Protein backbone atom coordinates (compact mmCIF):
# COMPACT_ATOMS: atom_id res chain seq x y z
CA MET A 1 0.00 0.00 0.00
CA LYS A 2 1.46 3.38 -0.99
CA VAL A 3 1.07 6.32 1.40
CA CYS A 4 1.39 9.89 0.18
CA GLY A 5 4.28 11.36 2.17
CA ASN A 6 3.28 11.54 5.83
CA LEU A 7 -0.46 12.14 5.32
CA TRP A 8 -1.55 8.90 7.08
CA LYS A 9 -2.65 10.69 10.29
CA VAL A 10 -4.39 13.41 8.31
CA VAL A 11 -6.41 10.79 6.42
CA LEU A 12 -7.54 9.15 9.64
CA VAL A 13 -8.66 12.39 11.21
CA SER A 14 -10.00 14.47 8.35
CA ALA A 15 -10.56 12.01 5.49
CA ALA A 16 -8.21 13.97 3.22
CA VAL A 17 -7.33 11.10 0.92
CA CYS A 18 -4.44 11.47 -1.48
CA GLY A 19 -4.90 10.24 -5.04
CA THR A 20 -2.22 7.55 -4.69
CA PHE A 21 -3.17 6.52 -1.17
CA VAL A 22 -3.83 2.98 -2.35
CA GLN A 23 -3.42 1.28 -5.67
CA SER A 24 -6.76 1.97 -7.30
CA HIS A 25 -7.98 -0.98 -9.25
CA SER A 26 -10.50 -3.80 -9.22
CA TRP A 27 -12.61 -5.88 -11.55
CA ILE A 28 -15.44 -8.38 -11.60
CA ALA A 29 -14.13 -11.95 -11.26
CA CYS A 30 -17.42 -13.90 -11.31
CA THR A 31 -20.74 -12.89 -12.86
CA ASP A 32 -22.95 -15.59 -11.27
CA TYR A 33 -21.86 -16.78 -7.82
CA THR A 34 -24.09 -19.13 -5.84
CA GLU A 35 -23.35 -17.72 -2.36
CA LYS A 36 -24.64 -14.35 -1.18
CA ASN A 37 -22.45 -12.36 1.25
CA GLY A 38 -19.76 -15.04 1.10
CA ALA A 39 -16.33 -14.66 2.68
CA ASP A 40 -14.05 -17.10 0.83
CA TRP A 41 -13.59 -17.54 -2.91
CA ASN A 42 -14.63 -20.98 -4.16
CA PRO A 43 -14.29 -21.43 -7.94
CA ASN A 44 -16.83 -24.27 -7.85
CA LYS A 45 -19.51 -21.74 -6.88
CA CYS A 46 -19.00 -19.61 -9.99
CA ARG A 47 -21.29 -20.30 -12.99
CA GLY A 48 -20.44 -17.27 -15.13
CA PHE A 49 -17.37 -15.20 -15.94
CA PRO A 50 -16.39 -11.91 -17.58
CA ARG A 51 -14.69 -11.64 -20.95
CA ASN A 52 -11.45 -13.52 -21.55
CA SER A 53 -11.22 -14.45 -17.88
CA GLU A 54 -9.50 -17.79 -18.46
CA GLU A 55 -6.46 -15.82 -19.61
CA LYS A 56 -6.75 -12.66 -17.49
CA CYS A 57 -8.28 -13.90 -14.19
CA PRO A 58 -8.51 -17.71 -14.22
CA LYS A 59 -10.75 -19.18 -11.55
CA THR A 60 -8.12 -21.65 -10.30
CA GLY A 61 -5.33 -19.09 -10.10
CA VAL A 62 -4.57 -16.79 -7.17
CA PHE A 63 -7.78 -14.91 -6.52
CA GLY A 64 -7.29 -11.17 -6.92
CA LEU A 65 -3.89 -11.45 -8.62
CA ASP A 66 -3.43 -8.34 -10.75
CA LYS A 67 -2.65 -9.23 -14.37
CA GLY A 68 -3.77 -5.96 -15.91
CA TYR A 69 -7.47 -6.85 -16.04
CA ASP A 70 -8.63 -3.63 -14.34
CA HIS A 71 -9.75 -0.88 -16.71
CA ILE A 72 -10.25 2.87 -16.35
CA PRO A 73 -13.01 3.62 -18.87
CA ASN A 74 -13.52 6.67 -21.03
CA ASN A 75 -16.45 7.44 -23.27
CA GLU A 76 -14.91 5.81 -26.36
CA ASN A 77 -13.52 2.75 -24.52
CA ALA A 78 -16.03 1.65 -21.92
CA CYS A 79 -14.98 -1.99 -21.61
CA GLY A 80 -11.22 -2.21 -22.00
CA GLU A 81 -11.10 -5.95 -22.73
CA LYS A 82 -12.27 -6.41 -26.34
CA ASN A 83 -11.99 -10.19 -26.62
CA ARG A 84 -15.41 -11.73 -25.97
CA VAL A 85 -13.85 -15.10 -25.28
CA TYR A 86 -15.70 -17.72 -23.20
CA THR A 87 -14.67 -21.34 -22.69
CA ASP A 88 -16.14 -24.53 -21.24
CA SER A 89 -14.36 -23.84 -17.96
CA HIS A 90 -15.12 -20.09 -18.00
CA PRO A 91 -18.56 -19.80 -19.63
CA MET A 92 -20.87 -16.87 -20.19
CA ALA A 93 -23.46 -16.35 -17.43
CA VAL A 94 -27.11 -17.32 -17.92
CA TYR A 95 -29.76 -15.34 -16.00
CA TYR A 96 -33.53 -15.23 -16.14
CA PRO A 97 -35.84 -12.23 -15.58
CA GLY A 98 -36.33 -11.59 -11.87
CA GLN A 99 -33.34 -13.67 -10.72
CA GLN A 100 -31.30 -12.38 -7.79
CA VAL A 101 -27.66 -12.51 -8.93
CA VAL A 102 -24.40 -12.36 -6.96
CA LEU A 103 -21.23 -10.78 -8.43
CA VAL A 104 -17.69 -11.27 -7.08
CA HIS A 105 -14.72 -8.89 -7.10
CA PRO A 106 -11.35 -8.67 -5.31
CA MET A 107 -11.14 -5.88 -2.71
CA LYS A 108 -7.65 -4.62 -3.63
CA ASN A 109 -7.26 -2.75 -0.30
CA HIS A 110 -10.38 -0.64 -0.84
CA GLY A 111 -12.36 -1.39 2.33
CA ALA A 112 -13.30 0.95 5.18
CA ASP A 113 -12.75 -1.22 8.28
CA SER A 114 -11.37 -0.06 11.63
CA GLY A 115 -10.13 -3.57 12.33
CA CYS A 116 -7.28 -3.19 9.85
CA GLY A 117 -6.90 0.45 8.93
CA ASN A 118 -8.74 3.43 7.57
CA ILE A 119 -12.51 3.92 7.93
CA TRP A 120 -12.41 6.78 5.42
CA ILE A 121 -11.66 4.68 2.32
CA PRO A 122 -14.18 6.06 -0.18
CA ASP A 123 -16.82 4.42 -2.35
CA TYR A 124 -18.76 6.69 -4.69
CA GLY A 125 -21.08 3.99 -6.00
CA SER A 126 -21.36 1.00 -8.30
CA TRP A 127 -23.82 0.32 -11.10
CA ILE A 128 -24.76 -2.26 -13.73
CA TYR A 129 -25.64 -1.11 -17.25
CA ARG A 130 -26.31 -3.08 -20.43
CA THR A 131 -26.61 -2.86 -24.19
CA GLY A 132 -30.04 -2.26 -25.68
CA GLY A 133 -29.98 -5.60 -27.48
CA PRO A 134 -27.59 -8.28 -28.75
CA PRO A 135 -23.90 -7.26 -28.70
CA LYS A 136 -22.65 -5.64 -31.88
CA GLN A 137 -19.16 -5.83 -33.33
CA SER A 138 -18.10 -2.79 -31.32
CA ASP A 139 -19.10 -2.00 -27.76
CA PRO A 140 -21.25 1.07 -27.07
CA THR A 141 -19.70 4.20 -25.67
CA LEU A 142 -19.82 4.74 -21.93
CA GLU A 143 -22.75 7.11 -22.40
CA GLY A 144 -24.40 4.53 -24.63
CA PHE A 145 -24.26 1.94 -21.86
CA LYS A 146 -25.72 4.45 -19.42
CA GLN A 147 -28.86 4.70 -21.54
CA ASN A 148 -29.83 1.21 -20.30
CA PRO A 149 -29.41 1.01 -16.51
CA VAL A 150 -29.93 -2.38 -14.89
CA PHE A 151 -29.29 -1.79 -11.18
CA ASP A 152 -27.82 0.70 -8.72
CA LEU A 153 -25.51 -1.39 -6.49
CA GLY A 154 -25.34 1.25 -3.77
CA ARG A 155 -22.45 2.73 -1.81
CA SER A 156 -20.46 1.45 1.14
CA PRO A 157 -20.45 3.52 4.34
CA ARG A 158 -17.31 5.31 5.48
CA GLY A 159 -16.10 7.73 8.14
CA SER A 160 -18.99 9.75 9.59
CA ASP A 161 -21.52 7.20 8.30
CA PHE A 162 -20.56 5.10 11.35
CA GLY A 163 -21.43 7.94 13.74
CA THR A 164 -19.60 7.70 17.05
CA ASP A 165 -19.04 3.95 16.78
CA PRO A 166 -16.23 3.13 14.32
CA SER A 167 -16.58 -0.57 15.24
CA LEU A 168 -19.65 -0.59 12.97
CA SER A 169 -17.17 -0.48 10.09
CA SER A 170 -16.23 -4.08 10.94
CA LYS A 171 -19.85 -5.31 10.76
CA TYR A 172 -20.85 -7.30 7.69
CA PRO A 173 -22.60 -7.57 5.31
CA LYS A 174 -22.35 -4.06 3.89
CA PRO A 175 -23.98 -2.34 0.94
CA GLY A 176 -21.95 -1.39 -2.12
CA TYR A 177 -18.39 -2.34 -2.96
CA GLY A 178 -17.06 -3.03 0.56
CA ASN A 179 -19.04 -6.21 1.32
CA ALA A 180 -16.11 -8.45 2.27
CA PRO A 181 -16.47 -10.29 5.63
CA LYS A 182 -12.80 -11.36 5.63
CA PHE A 183 -11.37 -8.06 4.41
CA CYS A 184 -8.90 -7.80 7.29
CA ALA A 185 -7.55 -11.31 6.67
CA ASN A 186 -6.09 -10.15 3.34
CA THR A 187 -7.01 -6.58 2.40
CA ASP A 188 -5.59 -6.99 -1.11
CA LYS A 189 -7.14 -10.30 -2.14
CA ALA A 190 -10.23 -10.61 0.06
CA MET A 191 -13.42 -11.51 -1.80
CA GLY A 192 -16.17 -8.89 -2.06
CA THR A 193 -19.67 -9.54 -3.37
CA TYR A 194 -22.64 -7.61 -4.70
CA SER A 195 -26.22 -8.80 -5.21
CA PHE A 196 -28.82 -7.38 -7.59
CA ASN A 197 -32.13 -8.22 -9.26
CA VAL A 198 -32.36 -8.85 -13.00
CA PRO A 199 -35.22 -6.69 -14.35
CA ARG A 200 -38.36 -8.79 -14.65
CA ASN A 201 -39.31 -7.36 -18.04
CA LEU A 202 -35.92 -7.95 -19.69
CA ARG A 203 -36.58 -9.93 -22.87
CA ALA A 204 -34.79 -13.19 -23.61
CA GLY A 205 -31.57 -12.82 -25.61
CA THR A 206 -27.88 -12.03 -25.23
CA TYR A 207 -26.68 -8.70 -23.84
CA THR A 208 -23.42 -7.09 -22.82
CA PHE A 209 -23.51 -5.96 -19.19
CA MET A 210 -21.07 -3.40 -17.79
CA TRP A 211 -20.09 -3.05 -14.12
CA LEU A 212 -19.03 0.50 -13.29
CA TRP A 213 -17.45 1.51 -9.97
CA SER A 214 -16.52 5.02 -8.82
CA PHE A 215 -13.77 4.95 -6.20
CA ASN A 216 -12.09 8.21 -5.12
CA SER A 217 -14.67 10.39 -6.88
CA GLU A 218 -17.55 10.06 -9.29
CA ASN A 219 -15.05 10.47 -12.14
CA ASN A 220 -12.49 7.95 -10.82
CA MET A 221 -14.10 4.92 -12.46
CA TYR A 222 -13.29 1.27 -13.13
CA SER A 223 -15.28 -1.09 -15.35
CA THR A 224 -15.65 -4.70 -16.41
CA CYS A 225 -17.80 -5.94 -19.28
CA PHE A 226 -19.39 -9.36 -19.56
CA GLU A 227 -21.91 -11.03 -21.81
CA VAL A 228 -25.07 -12.55 -20.35
CA GLU A 229 -27.66 -14.80 -21.90
CA ILE A 230 -31.14 -14.01 -20.58
CA ALA A 231 -33.29 -17.15 -20.61
CA ALA A 232 -37.07 -16.89 -20.87
CA ASN A 233 -37.66 -18.33 -17.40
CA LYS A 234 -36.03 -20.27 -14.57
CA ALA A 235 -36.73 -23.69 -16.11
CA THR A 236 -34.96 -22.66 -19.33
CA ARG A 237 -32.09 -21.15 -17.34
CA ASP A 238 -31.71 -24.37 -15.33
CA ALA A 239 -31.62 -26.48 -18.49
CA LYS A 240 -28.93 -24.26 -20.01
CA LEU A 241 -26.82 -24.44 -16.84
CA ARG A 242 -27.08 -28.24 -16.76
CA ALA A 243 -25.95 -28.32 -20.38
CA LYS A 244 -22.86 -26.37 -19.31
CA GLY A 245 -22.14 -28.98 -16.61
CA PHE A 246 -23.53 -27.12 -13.56
CA ASN A 247 -25.66 -29.07 -11.11
CA ASP A 248 -25.91 -26.36 -8.45
CA LEU A 249 -28.91 -24.30 -9.56
CA THR A 250 -29.35 -22.33 -6.35
CA GLU A 251 -29.99 -18.62 -6.02
CA PRO A 252 -30.52 -16.51 -2.90
CA CYS A 253 -33.94 -15.71 -1.44
CA GLY A 254 -34.91 -12.20 -0.46
CA GLY A 255 -32.85 -10.19 1.99
CA LEU A 256 -31.32 -6.88 0.99
CA THR A 257 -29.51 -6.36 -2.29
CA SER A 258 -26.30 -4.31 -2.40
CA ASN A 259 -28.60 -1.31 -2.56
CA PRO A 260 -30.10 -0.90 0.93
CA ASP A 261 -33.29 0.56 -0.57
CA VAL A 262 -34.10 -2.54 -2.64
CA MET A 263 -35.11 -5.97 -1.40
CA GLY A 264 -33.69 -9.02 -3.17
CA ASN A 265 -36.19 -11.00 -5.19
CA SER A 266 -37.47 -14.31 -3.83
CA ASN A 267 -38.45 -16.71 -6.56
CA PRO A 268 -39.95 -20.21 -6.25
CA GLY A 269 -37.18 -22.71 -5.54
CA CYS A 270 -34.65 -20.13 -4.27
CA THR A 271 -32.35 -20.97 -1.39
CA LYS A 272 -33.37 -19.39 1.90
CA GLN A 273 -30.60 -17.72 3.86
CA ALA A 274 -30.39 -15.89 7.15
CA GLN A 275 -32.00 -12.48 6.77
CA VAL A 276 -29.59 -9.72 7.70
CA THR A 277 -29.59 -5.93 7.82
CA TYR A 278 -26.80 -3.42 7.32
CA ALA A 279 -25.17 -1.97 10.45
CA ALA A 280 -24.55 1.29 8.57
CA THR A 281 -25.29 2.74 5.16
CA ALA A 282 -23.79 5.59 3.18
CA GLY A 283 -25.16 8.96 4.24
CA ASN A 284 -25.55 10.23 0.69
CA SER A 285 -27.18 8.11 -1.95
CA SER A 286 -25.35 7.51 -5.19
CA PRO A 287 -26.72 8.95 -8.44
CA PRO A 288 -29.60 6.53 -8.96
CA PRO A 289 -30.25 4.91 -12.30
CA ALA A 290 -33.53 3.02 -12.48
CA THR A 291 -33.34 -0.17 -10.43
CA GLN A 292 -36.41 -1.71 -12.00
CA GLU A 293 -37.30 -1.37 -15.65
CA THR A 294 -40.89 -0.35 -16.31
CA PRO A 295 -43.24 -0.85 -19.26
CA ASP A 296 -43.03 1.55 -22.18
CA VAL A 297 -46.05 3.70 -21.28
CA GLU A 298 -46.51 7.42 -20.99
CA SER A 299 -45.24 8.65 -17.62
CA PRO A 300 -47.08 11.27 -15.55
CA THR A 301 -45.38 14.12 -13.74
CA GLU A 302 -44.65 12.07 -10.62
CA SER A 303 -43.97 8.40 -10.02
CA VAL A 304 -43.75 6.53 -6.73
CA GLY A 305 -41.57 3.41 -6.70
CA PHE A 306 -42.32 0.54 -4.35
CA THR A 307 -39.79 -1.82 -2.84
CA PRO A 308 -41.04 -5.07 -4.41
CA TYR A 309 -41.92 -7.08 -1.31
CA PRO A 310 -42.84 -10.55 -2.56
CA PHE A 311 -46.10 -12.17 -1.51
CA TRP A 312 -46.28 -15.95 -1.14
CA LEU A 313 -49.72 -17.33 -1.83
CA GLY A 314 -51.46 -18.73 1.23
CA LEU A 315 -54.07 -21.49 1.01
CA THR A 316 -57.25 -21.84 3.01
CA THR A 317 -56.88 -25.61 3.02
CA PRO A 318 -56.54 -26.67 6.70
CA SER A 319 -53.57 -28.94 6.01
CA ALA A 320 -51.49 -26.14 4.50
CA GLN A 321 -48.78 -25.16 7.00
CA PRO A 322 -47.06 -21.76 7.10
CA PRO A 323 -43.29 -21.68 6.54
CA SER A 324 -41.09 -22.13 9.59
CA GLY A 325 -41.02 -19.05 11.77
CA GLU A 326 -44.08 -17.47 10.16
CA ASN A 327 -47.29 -16.63 11.96
CA PRO A 328 -50.17 -18.92 10.90
CA VAL A 329 -52.49 -16.12 9.78
CA SER A 330 -55.71 -17.45 8.27
CA GLY A 331 -55.86 -17.19 4.49
CA TYR A 332 -52.23 -16.31 3.87
CA HIS A 333 -48.87 -17.33 5.26
CA ARG A 334 -47.07 -14.04 5.62
CA PRO A 335 -48.34 -11.19 7.80
CA PRO A 336 -48.95 -7.88 6.03
CA LYS A 337 -45.93 -5.82 5.00
CA PRO A 338 -45.84 -2.35 3.48
CA HIS A 339 -46.92 -2.46 -0.18
CA SER A 340 -47.37 -6.24 -0.17
CA ILE A 341 -50.32 -7.71 -2.05
CA HIS A 342 -52.72 -10.32 -0.76
CA MET A 343 -54.17 -12.80 -3.20
CA SER A 344 -57.54 -14.36 -2.48
CA VAL A 345 -57.97 -17.75 -4.15
CA ASN A 346 -60.61 -20.38 -4.56
CA VAL A 347 -58.68 -23.61 -5.10
CA HIS A 348 -57.98 -27.08 -3.83
CA MET A 349 -54.47 -28.15 -2.86
CA SER A 350 -53.72 -29.21 -6.45
CA SER A 351 -55.70 -27.76 -9.34
CA GLN A 352 -55.53 -27.05 -13.05
CA GLN A 353 -57.22 -23.69 -12.64
CA PHE A 354 -57.94 -21.08 -10.03
CA SER A 355 -59.57 -17.68 -9.81
CA GLY A 356 -60.01 -14.90 -7.30
CA GLU A 357 -58.72 -11.41 -6.60
CA MET A 358 -55.49 -9.60 -5.79
CA ARG A 359 -56.04 -7.20 -2.90
CA LEU A 360 -53.78 -4.17 -3.37
CA PRO A 361 -52.76 -1.60 -0.76
CA VAL A 362 -55.11 1.40 -0.60
CA ALA A 363 -54.23 3.78 -3.43
CA ARG A 364 -53.14 7.36 -2.83
CA ASP A 365 -55.65 10.10 -3.70
CA ARG A 366 -53.66 11.33 -6.71
CA THR A 367 -52.98 7.88 -8.17
CA ILE A 368 -53.69 7.62 -11.90
CA ARG A 369 -51.92 4.33 -12.72
CA ARG A 370 -50.77 1.25 -10.77
CA TYR A 371 -48.45 -1.48 -12.02
CA VAL A 372 -48.58 -5.04 -10.72
CA SER A 373 -46.52 -8.10 -11.66
CA ALA A 374 -47.49 -11.74 -11.17
CA ASP A 375 -45.17 -14.76 -11.51
CA PHE A 376 -46.19 -18.42 -11.66
CA THR A 377 -44.03 -21.53 -11.34
CA CYS A 378 -46.41 -23.97 -13.05
CA ASP A 379 -46.87 -23.75 -16.84
CA VAL A 380 -49.77 -21.40 -17.65
CA ILE A 381 -52.14 -22.04 -20.59
CA THR A 382 -54.47 -19.06 -20.19
CA ALA A 383 -54.56 -16.04 -17.91
CA SER A 384 -57.28 -13.40 -17.73
CA PHE A 385 -57.35 -10.25 -15.59
CA TRP A 386 -60.27 -7.92 -14.91
CA ASN A 387 -60.39 -4.42 -13.49
CA ALA A 388 -56.95 -4.00 -15.09
CA MET A 389 -55.19 -4.62 -18.39
CA THR A 390 -52.27 -6.87 -19.28
CA ILE A 391 -49.46 -4.72 -20.69
CA SER A 392 -46.86 -7.45 -21.23
CA ASP A 393 -47.00 -9.44 -24.46
CA MET A 394 -49.39 -12.31 -23.76
CA GLU A 395 -47.45 -14.85 -25.81
CA GLU A 396 -44.20 -13.96 -24.05
CA SER A 397 -45.94 -13.89 -20.68
CA LEU A 398 -47.37 -17.40 -21.15
CA LYS A 399 -43.88 -18.66 -22.04
CA SER A 400 -42.13 -16.90 -19.15
CA ARG A 401 -45.05 -17.19 -16.69
CA HIS A 402 -44.53 -13.53 -15.82
CA PHE A 403 -47.40 -11.04 -16.29
CA ASP A 404 -47.27 -7.25 -16.09
CA ILE A 405 -50.63 -5.67 -15.31
CA MET A 406 -51.74 -2.03 -15.19
CA GLN A 407 -54.72 -0.33 -13.57
CA GLN A 408 -55.71 3.03 -15.05
CA GLY A 409 -58.54 5.41 -14.18
CA SER A 410 -60.30 6.12 -10.92
CA GLU A 411 -63.01 3.47 -11.32
CA GLU A 412 -60.44 0.65 -11.47
CA ILE A 413 -57.99 2.11 -8.97
CA LYS A 414 -60.42 2.95 -6.18
CA THR A 415 -61.46 -0.72 -5.85
CA ASN A 416 -57.91 -1.70 -4.79
CA ARG A 417 -58.58 -5.06 -6.47
CA VAL A 418 -57.47 -6.98 -9.57
CA PHE A 419 -59.53 -10.04 -10.49
CA TYR A 420 -58.08 -13.02 -12.35
CA HIS A 421 -58.59 -16.54 -13.70
CA VAL A 422 -55.65 -18.82 -14.59
CA THR A 423 -55.47 -22.33 -16.06
CA PHE A 424 -52.43 -24.60 -15.98
CA ASP A 425 -51.05 -27.18 -18.38
CA ASP A 426 -51.19 -29.80 -15.63
CA ALA A 427 -52.44 -29.97 -12.06
CA CYS A 428 -50.45 -27.46 -10.00
CA ASP A 429 -49.77 -27.95 -6.30
CA LEU A 430 -50.00 -24.37 -5.11
CA SER A 431 -48.66 -25.16 -1.66
CA MET A 432 -45.40 -26.23 -3.31
CA HIS A 433 -45.43 -23.73 -6.18
CA PRO A 434 -47.03 -20.50 -4.94
CA PRO A 435 -47.42 -17.51 -7.26
CA VAL A 436 -45.61 -14.30 -6.35
CA VAL A 437 -47.38 -10.96 -6.82
CA ARG A 438 -45.85 -7.50 -6.46
CA LEU A 439 -47.01 -3.90 -6.65
CA THR A 440 -44.09 -2.41 -8.55
CA ARG A 441 -45.07 1.19 -9.27
CA GLU A 442 -47.71 3.84 -8.69
CA ASP A 443 -47.99 6.94 -10.89
CA LEU A 444 -49.37 10.15 -9.37
CA MET A 445 -51.10 13.04 -11.10
């Protein structure tokens, strides 16, 4: 670690960080890791890699070894690495819409932790952007990538964010870049992780994603580019991973993403983990790109975003048991949460069709539109919604089992209800495969 002259004490007291205080570089080493908030790098847990990683950052080499893979982007050269090379041992990642994804990077001394140094190490934010469609021969400019935001990965706390208790800097997990539980064991090569949600309305296809991190300032940036195949749904994603030789199909359930304002998605079949909160968050939010893509509809003058709390369908069948640790509330498993949606159903334990209503939170007085998403695990043949309109392509929705629905106008909105009828390709056991419904957005006049 390089220290600028004798400024070490000044940095600790006043946060006056010199430009060469530490070697400023990092990169993404894994684009689909199976463990959220992990501490130790395990190459067997990585199912996707960035460009040309077998040569530049091989999974079985020394994790975090600098071989010139870090890149300082400019507008004309956003990615640095031009070779879109993927191999059987270092394949391209496969995601599906709505998946919660974990990224891995080496810390390279850039953590604010009182247990091994400076709590004023900065983090000005991290983001994921993408191309608008399939990769072209040349990468977009940096500004071109920024036209298609995927997720704001948040910022790590530092200095005054810990208040009068600097020991909070040693509490993990953390938002943003500095989420590395074993940072003090090896500040250079410790493993850091992010987590983010893939937008639920991202169409199937191949895209180039770009990770962008601002370190010492908003203009002191580092980037890594990687290609991703978006599968139509989880079943298709799982089949593609098996074809690549991966048998571990897990993904994390819920919890917080790297952005403390956004909950991680919980999809049917995800792996439940201990729910944790952040001991401290950055006092100033990073410049926020959209964290959830929304349908292409005319926007009013004001829009209210909702943290997408998932709702697990509860059954009225007496034998249906709530998940461990949940309160056995009649009619649904999970007690009410802010902006959650309750679905009323009229079904048996296993059925080829069901109908009922989605009970939405009470709308605000100035609400002119409401957006709701519904996801099913079982294969859907038909789906009809009343008191609302389906705005996603019905053919694509039936394939992906994801439906985007919009309420518009006071007569629909004031009921706080969406009615539905769904039929399945085969009998669906709803206690094992519950739908997930979310209120994703509310537009105000």
